[in-house]
Amino acid sequence: MELNNGYKKTYIQILIDSLNKKYTVLNELMQITIRQQNIINAEQFNDDEFMNTIALKEELINSLSELDKGFEMVYDRVREELKENGNSYQSEITSLKELVTKVTDLSVRLQVLEKTNKTGLEAVLSRKRKEIGKARISNETVANYYKNMSKRADSQSYFYDKKN
């Protein structure tokens, strides 16, 4: 399908808008990831708050996926035009390149923060596992003590009053 110049400019503007939305969503994702980092680094790990951030991030990641699909569909329609007549769209191409650079930089920073958070979360989970293990051993010890004591309740007391 051959597109006229007005449609081509509209599609290019849609690409620019799509990248702007993606940058906005990535910024929101970065803020939530920073919040996760604060939760991980806090003295008391808040499970509920952390799970809430995961749900929020899932929604944003789905939005990013939809934006990427839409971008690809529109880009496929104007790819040849941009290659063949790039000079006609120089300012739009410049905007697209700048936005792609901003989105890529933010994505890289986000990946680095995610990696840091993963390491921190693994440390938190390791501490929690140890605490659970200690609690389980303590509970087993107490249970065994009471079980042993209840068996001995039928037998004579260890302490015998000799003042009769």
C-alpha atoms as a PDB file:
ATOM      1  CA  MET A   1       0.000   0.000   0.000  1.00  0.00           C
ATOM      2  CA  GLU A   2       1.484   3.313  -1.082  1.00  0.00           C
ATOM      3  CA  LEU A   3       1.205   6.028   1.527  1.00  0.00           C
ATOM      4  CA  ASN A   4       0.983   9.734   0.765  1.00  0.00           C
ATOM      5  CA  ASN A   5       3.242  12.223   2.511  1.00  0.00           C
ATOM      6  CA  GLY A   6       0.652  13.212   5.145  1.00  0.00           C
ATOM      7  CA  TYR A   7       0.198   9.622   6.275  1.00  0.00           C
ATOM      8  CA  LYS A   8       3.940   9.049   6.329  1.00  0.00           C
ATOM      9  CA  LYS A   9       4.471  12.063   8.593  1.00  0.00           C
ATOM     10  CA  THR A  10       1.630  10.844  10.809  1.00  0.00           C
ATOM     11  CA  TYR A  11       3.203   7.391  11.115  1.00  0.00           C
ATOM     12  CA  ILE A  12       6.570   8.919  11.938  1.00  0.00           C
ATOM     13  CA  GLN A  13       4.895  11.080  14.598  1.00  0.00           C
ATOM     14  CA  ILE A  14       3.269   7.948  15.999  1.00  0.00           C
ATOM     15  CA  LEU A  15       6.752   6.401  16.275  1.00  0.00           C
ATOM     16  CA  ILE A  16       7.990   9.467  18.152  1.00  0.00           C
ATOM     17  CA  ASP A  17       4.949   9.410  20.465  1.00  0.00           C
ATOM     18  CA  SER A  18       5.439   5.706  21.075  1.00  0.00           C
ATOM     19  CA  LEU A  19       9.059   6.227  22.106  1.00  0.00           C
ATOM     20  CA  ASN A  20       8.042   9.095  24.389  1.00  0.00           C
ATOM     21  CA  LYS A  21       5.461   6.831  26.071  1.00  0.00           C
ATOM     22  CA  LYS A  22       8.043   4.079  26.381  1.00  0.00           C
ATOM     23  CA  TYR A  23      10.443   6.501  28.052  1.00  0.00           C
ATOM     24  CA  THR A  24       7.706   7.555  30.482  1.00  0.00           C
ATOM     25  CA  VAL A  25       6.868   3.935  31.326  1.00  0.00           C
ATOM     26  CA  LEU A  26      10.561   3.130  31.787  1.00  0.00           C
ATOM     27  CA  ASN A  27      10.856   6.085  34.173  1.00  0.00           C
ATOM     28  CA  GLU A  28       7.939   4.740  36.212  1.00  0.00           C
ATOM     29  CA  LEU A  29       9.581   1.321  36.181  1.00  0.00           C
ATOM     30  CA  MET A  30      12.812   2.894  37.408  1.00  0.00           C
ATOM     31  CA  GLN A  31      10.994   4.590  40.301  1.00  0.00           C
ATOM     32  CA  ILE A  32       9.381   1.322  41.358  1.00  0.00           C
ATOM     33  CA  THR A  33      12.715  -0.498  41.075  1.00  0.00           C
ATOM     34  CA  ILE A  34      14.319   2.158  43.284  1.00  0.00           C
ATOM     35  CA  ARG A  35      11.472   1.595  45.753  1.00  0.00           C
ATOM     36  CA  GLN A  36      12.256  -2.130  45.649  1.00  0.00           C
ATOM     37  CA  GLN A  37      15.888  -1.347  46.373  1.00  0.00           C
ATOM     38  CA  ASN A  38      14.838   0.667  49.433  1.00  0.00           C
ATOM     39  CA  ILE A  39      12.666  -2.221  50.635  1.00  0.00           C
ATOM     40  CA  ILE A  40      15.523  -4.681  50.152  1.00  0.00           C
ATOM     41  CA  ASN A  41      18.010  -2.454  51.967  1.00  0.00           C
ATOM     42  CA  ALA A  42      15.662  -1.626  54.868  1.00  0.00           C
ATOM     43  CA  GLU A  43      16.289  -3.050  58.327  1.00  0.00           C
ATOM     44  CA  GLN A  44      12.949  -4.870  58.205  1.00  0.00           C
ATOM     45  CA  PHE A  45      12.049  -6.435  54.872  1.00  0.00           C
ATOM     46  CA  ASN A  46       8.373  -5.692  54.090  1.00  0.00           C
ATOM     47  CA  ASP A  47       7.015  -8.676  52.151  1.00  0.00           C
ATOM     48  CA  ASP A  48       3.671  -7.075  51.312  1.00  0.00           C
ATOM     49  CA  GLU A  49       5.171  -3.873  49.998  1.00  0.00           C
ATOM     50  CA  PHE A  50       7.693  -5.812  47.922  1.00  0.00           C
ATOM     51  CA  MET A  51       4.949  -7.983  46.409  1.00  0.00           C
ATOM     52  CA  ASN A  52       2.977  -4.815  45.622  1.00  0.00           C
ATOM     53  CA  THR A  53       5.935  -3.433  43.663  1.00  0.00           C
ATOM     54  CA  ILE A  54       6.177  -6.673  41.707  1.00  0.00           C
ATOM     55  CA  ALA A  55       2.517  -6.368  40.678  1.00  0.00           C
ATOM     56  CA  LEU A  56       3.041  -2.754  39.602  1.00  0.00           C
ATOM     57  CA  LYS A  57       6.115  -3.692  37.610  1.00  0.00           C
ATOM     58  CA  GLU A  58       4.259  -6.498  35.887  1.00  0.00           C
ATOM     59  CA  GLU A  59       1.640  -4.029  34.643  1.00  0.00           C
ATOM     60  CA  LEU A  60       4.308  -1.651  33.366  1.00  0.00           C
ATOM     61  CA  ILE A  61       6.223  -4.437  31.642  1.00  0.00           C
ATOM     62  CA  ASN A  62       3.022  -5.477  29.868  1.00  0.00           C
ATOM     63  CA  SER A  63       2.571  -1.858  28.754  1.00  0.00           C
ATOM     64  CA  LEU A  64       6.134  -1.821  27.426  1.00  0.00           C
ATOM     65  CA  SER A  65       5.469  -4.990  25.497  1.00  0.00           C
ATOM     66  CA  GLU A  66       2.367  -3.487  23.892  1.00  0.00           C
ATOM     67  CA  LEU A  67       4.258  -0.291  23.027  1.00  0.00           C
ATOM     68  CA  ASP A  68       7.040  -2.316  21.417  1.00  0.00           C
ATOM     69  CA  LYS A  69       4.565  -4.324  19.329  1.00  0.00           C
ATOM     70  CA  GLY A  70       2.832  -1.161  18.162  1.00  0.00           C
ATOM     71  CA  PHE A  71       6.145   0.507  17.377  1.00  0.00           C
ATOM     72  CA  GLU A  72       7.264  -2.450  15.268  1.00  0.00           C
ATOM     73  CA  MET A  73       4.002  -2.500  13.322  1.00  0.00           C
ATOM     74  CA  VAL A  74       4.174   1.203  12.507  1.00  0.00           C
ATOM     75  CA  TYR A  75       7.904   1.114  11.791  1.00  0.00           C
ATOM     76  CA  ASP A  76       7.385  -1.714   9.293  1.00  0.00           C
ATOM     77  CA  ARG A  77       5.036   0.587   7.356  1.00  0.00           C
ATOM     78  CA  VAL A  78       7.514   3.471   7.064  1.00  0.00           C
ATOM     79  CA  ARG A  79      10.883   1.701   7.148  1.00  0.00           C
ATOM     80  CA  GLU A  80      11.438   1.837   3.386  1.00  0.00           C
ATOM     81  CA  GLU A  81      10.315   5.450   3.175  1.00  0.00           C
ATOM     82  CA  LEU A  82      12.756   6.478   5.895  1.00  0.00           C
ATOM     83  CA  LYS A  83      15.600   4.646   4.168  1.00  0.00           C
ATOM     84  CA  GLU A  84      14.853   5.963   0.699  1.00  0.00           C
ATOM     85  CA  ASN A  85      13.845   9.530   1.554  1.00  0.00           C
ATOM     86  CA  GLY A  86      15.611  10.140   4.846  1.00  0.00           C
ATOM     87  CA  ASN A  87      16.508  13.706   3.889  1.00  0.00           C
ATOM     88  CA  SER A  88      12.830  14.637   3.738  1.00  0.00           C
ATOM     89  CA  TYR A  89      12.368  13.559   7.348  1.00  0.00           C
ATOM     90  CA  GLN A  90      15.648  14.725   8.860  1.00  0.00           C
ATOM     91  CA  SER A  91      14.160  16.429  11.932  1.00  0.00           C
ATOM     92  CA  GLU A  92      11.880  13.459  12.668  1.00  0.00           C
ATOM     93  CA  ILE A  93      14.749  11.004  12.245  1.00  0.00           C
ATOM     94  CA  THR A  94      16.876  13.122  14.584  1.00  0.00           C
ATOM     95  CA  SER A  95      14.075  13.067  17.166  1.00  0.00           C
ATOM     96  CA  LEU A  96      13.735   9.305  16.788  1.00  0.00           C
ATOM     97  CA  LYS A  97      17.479   8.781  17.240  1.00  0.00           C
ATOM     98  CA  GLU A  98      17.558  10.979  20.349  1.00  0.00           C
ATOM     99  CA  LEU A  99      14.608   9.151  21.853  1.00  0.00           C
ATOM    100  CA  VAL A 100      16.084   5.748  21.061  1.00  0.00           C
ATOM    101  CA  THR A 101      19.293   6.843  22.814  1.00  0.00           C
ATOM    102  CA  LYS A 102      17.360   8.067  25.880  1.00  0.00           C
ATOM    103  CA  VAL A 103      15.289   4.873  26.027  1.00  0.00           C
ATOM    104  CA  THR A 104      18.372   2.683  25.627  1.00  0.00           C
ATOM    105  CA  ASP A 105      20.321   4.554  28.315  1.00  0.00           C
ATOM    106  CA  LEU A 106      17.423   4.303  30.747  1.00  0.00           C
ATOM    107  CA  SER A 107      16.987   0.612  29.935  1.00  0.00           C
ATOM    108  CA  VAL A 108      20.654  -0.051  30.681  1.00  0.00           C
ATOM    109  CA  ARG A 109      20.456   1.830  34.010  1.00  0.00           C
ATOM    110  CA  LEU A 110      17.334  -0.128  34.858  1.00  0.00           C
ATOM    111  CA  GLN A 111      19.048  -3.440  34.079  1.00  0.00           C
ATOM    112  CA  VAL A 112      21.984  -2.519  36.315  1.00  0.00           C
ATOM    113  CA  LEU A 113      19.634  -1.621  39.174  1.00  0.00           C
ATOM    114  CA  GLU A 114      17.677  -4.837  38.645  1.00  0.00           C
ATOM    115  CA  LYS A 115      20.890  -6.848  38.866  1.00  0.00           C
ATOM    116  CA  THR A 116      21.846  -5.054  42.091  1.00  0.00           C
ATOM    117  CA  ASN A 117      18.380  -5.679  43.517  1.00  0.00           C
ATOM    118  CA  LYS A 118      18.571  -9.346  42.576  1.00  0.00           C
ATOM    119  CA  THR A 119      21.804  -9.729  44.522  1.00  0.00           C
ATOM    120  CA  GLY A 120      20.340  -7.872  47.504  1.00  0.00           C
ATOM    121  CA  LEU A 121      17.142  -9.910  47.425  1.00  0.00           C
ATOM    122  CA  GLU A 122      19.132 -13.142  47.328  1.00  0.00           C
ATOM    123  CA  ALA A 123      20.954 -12.003  50.485  1.00  0.00           C
ATOM    124  CA  VAL A 124      17.646 -11.145  52.193  1.00  0.00           C
ATOM    125  CA  LEU A 125      16.171 -14.519  51.242  1.00  0.00           C
ATOM    126  CA  SER A 126      19.282 -16.298  52.491  1.00  0.00           C
ATOM    127  CA  ARG A 127      18.958 -14.546  55.869  1.00  0.00           C
ATOM    128  CA  LYS A 128      15.252 -15.407  56.003  1.00  0.00           C
ATOM    129  CA  ARG A 129      16.009 -19.083  55.245  1.00  0.00           C
ATOM    130  CA  LYS A 130      18.534 -19.143  58.096  1.00  0.00           C
ATOM    131  CA  GLU A 131      16.021 -17.521  60.450  1.00  0.00           C
ATOM    132  CA  ILE A 132      13.376 -20.040  59.440  1.00  0.00           C
ATOM    133  CA  GLY A 133      15.852 -22.876  59.924  1.00  0.00           C
ATOM    134  CA  LYS A 134      16.755 -21.604  63.405  1.00  0.00           C
ATOM    135  CA  ALA A 135      13.095 -21.184  64.303  1.00  0.00           C
ATOM    136  CA  ARG A 136      12.307 -24.686  63.083  1.00  0.00           C
ATOM    137  CA  ILE A 137      15.158 -26.156  65.125  1.00  0.00           C
ATOM    138  CA  SER A 138      14.039 -24.167  68.174  1.00  0.00           C
ATOM    139  CA  ASN A 139      10.458 -25.371  67.736  1.00  0.00           C
ATOM    140  CA  GLU A 140      11.619 -28.955  67.352  1.00  0.00           C
ATOM    141  CA  THR A 141      13.786 -28.642  70.461  1.00  0.00           C
ATOM    142  CA  VAL A 142      10.917 -27.231  72.504  1.00  0.00           C
ATOM    143  CA  ALA A 143       8.527 -29.891  71.172  1.00  0.00           C
ATOM    144  CA  ASN A 144      10.995 -32.660  72.020  1.00  0.00           C
ATOM    145  CA  TYR A 145      11.525 -31.209  75.493  1.00  0.00           C
ATOM    146  CA  TYR A 146       7.806 -31.136  76.232  1.00  0.00           C
ATOM    147  CA  LYS A 147       7.336 -34.593  74.759  1.00  0.00           C
ATOM    148  CA  ASN A 148      10.100 -35.952  76.986  1.00  0.00           C
ATOM    149  CA  MET A 149       8.767 -34.118  80.008  1.00  0.00           C
ATOM    150  CA  SER A 150       5.233 -35.374  79.459  1.00  0.00           C
ATOM    151  CA  LYS A 151       6.548 -38.957  79.400  1.00  0.00           C
ATOM    152  CA  ARG A 152       8.322 -38.372  82.676  1.00  0.00           C
ATOM    153  CA  ALA A 153       5.297 -36.811  84.333  1.00  0.00           C
ATOM    154  CA  ASP A 154       4.015 -40.316  84.909  1.00  0.00           C
ATOM    155  CA  SER A 155       7.194 -41.304  86.684  1.00  0.00           C
ATOM    156  CA  GLN A 156       8.502 -39.959  89.962  1.00  0.00           C
ATOM    157  CA  SER A 157       9.596 -36.414  90.314  1.00  0.00           C
ATOM    158  CA  TYR A 158      13.295 -35.749  90.218  1.00  0.00           C
ATOM    159  CA  PHE A 159      13.038 -33.702  93.369  1.00  0.00           C
ATOM    160  CA  TYR A 160      11.825 -35.456  96.413  1.00  0.00           C
ATOM    161  CA  ASP A 161      10.913 -33.630  99.547  1.00  0.00           C
ATOM    162  CA  LYS A 162      12.712 -35.344 102.425  1.00  0.00           C
ATOM    163  CA  LYS A 163      11.285 -33.164 105.214  1.00  0.00           C
ATOM    164  CA  ASN A 164       8.456 -35.524 106.139  1.00  0.00           C
END
